[in-house]
């Protein structure tokens, strides 16, 4: 397999994980001003293990950004997820 094909697969899996994490991240636990989302944390760990650290951090960042835009997250989602 060439490197482009592997990168495409990692990017596609990252996008799927972002979508799942954003949708299921709406179920969160409020705690001291933060909205703790166990599903997002689980998917962040899963992404880092399966597709690597760089794609895992990218997945966590995009998920946190989308959750903040949609109003289901807090600013602590960035530091908590990455």
Protein backbone atom coordinates (compact mmCIF):
# COMPACT_ATOMS: atom_id res chain seq x y z
CA UNK A 1 0.00 0.00 0.00
CA UNK A 2 1.25 3.43 -0.76
CA UNK A 3 1.39 6.25 1.75
CA UNK A 4 -1.48 8.25 0.19
CA UNK A 5 -3.87 5.33 0.50
CA UNK A 6 -3.03 4.89 4.18
CA UNK A 7 -3.46 8.64 4.83
CA UNK A 8 -6.84 8.59 3.08
CA UNK A 9 -8.02 5.72 5.25
CA UNK A 10 -6.83 7.48 8.41
CA UNK A 11 -8.55 10.70 7.38
CA UNK A 12 -11.81 8.88 6.61
CA UNK A 13 -11.74 7.03 9.94
CA UNK A 14 -10.96 10.31 11.70
CA UNK A 15 -14.01 11.93 10.09
CA UNK A 16 -16.24 9.06 11.16
CA UNK A 17 -14.94 9.26 14.72
CA UNK A 18 -15.51 13.04 14.76
CA UNK A 19 -19.11 12.54 13.63
CA UNK A 20 -19.81 9.86 16.23
CA UNK A 21 -18.14 11.84 18.99
CA UNK A 22 -19.98 15.05 18.11
CA UNK A 23 -23.38 13.35 18.01
CA UNK A 24 -22.90 11.25 21.15
CA UNK A 25 -21.08 14.10 22.90
CA UNK A 26 -24.40 15.81 23.48
CA UNK A 27 -24.85 13.45 26.44
CA UNK A 28 -22.60 15.13 28.98
CA UNK A 29 -22.28 15.45 32.74
CA UNK A 30 -22.09 19.03 34.10
CA UNK A 31 -19.35 19.40 36.70
CA UNK A 32 -18.01 22.74 38.05
CA UNK A 33 -18.65 24.70 34.86
CA UNK A 34 -17.41 21.96 32.55
CA UNK A 35 -19.47 19.54 30.50
CA UNK A 36 -17.77 16.17 30.86
CA UNK A 37 -18.46 13.84 27.95
CA UNK A 38 -17.32 10.27 28.58
CA UNK A 39 -18.09 9.25 24.99
CA UNK A 40 -15.82 11.93 23.59
CA UNK A 41 -12.99 10.91 25.90
CA UNK A 42 -13.39 7.26 24.91
CA UNK A 43 -13.35 8.11 21.20
CA UNK A 44 -10.29 10.36 21.67
CA UNK A 45 -8.38 7.46 23.22
CA UNK A 46 -9.66 5.09 20.53
CA UNK A 47 -8.53 7.48 17.79
CA UNK A 48 -5.06 7.90 19.28
CA UNK A 49 -4.59 4.14 19.55
CA UNK A 50 -5.99 3.18 16.15
CA UNK A 51 -4.90 5.98 13.82
CA UNK A 52 -2.00 7.57 15.67
CA UNK A 53 -1.23 10.53 17.86
CA UNK A 54 -1.36 13.25 15.19
CA UNK A 55 -4.72 12.16 13.81
CA UNK A 56 -5.97 11.55 17.35
CA UNK A 57 -5.18 15.12 18.41
CA UNK A 58 -6.74 16.41 15.18
CA UNK A 59 -9.86 14.37 15.83
CA UNK A 60 -10.08 15.69 19.39
CA UNK A 61 -9.61 19.30 18.25
CA UNK A 62 -12.25 19.13 15.50
CA UNK A 63 -14.71 17.42 17.84
CA UNK A 64 -14.17 20.06 20.53
CA UNK A 65 -14.54 22.84 17.97
CA UNK A 66 -17.79 21.41 16.63
CA UNK A 67 -19.19 20.85 20.12
CA UNK A 68 -18.44 24.48 21.01
CA UNK A 69 -20.01 25.77 17.80
CA UNK A 70 -23.12 23.67 18.42
CA UNK A 71 -23.29 24.79 22.07
CA UNK A 72 -22.94 21.30 23.57
CA UNK A 73 -19.44 21.83 24.93
CA UNK A 74 -17.48 24.31 26.99
CA UNK A 75 -14.12 26.00 26.48
CA UNK A 76 -12.61 23.38 28.75
CA UNK A 77 -13.33 20.80 26.02
CA UNK A 78 -10.14 21.83 24.19
CA UNK A 79 -7.76 21.28 27.06
CA UNK A 80 -9.67 18.28 28.37
CA UNK A 81 -9.74 16.37 25.11
CA UNK A 82 -6.21 16.96 23.91
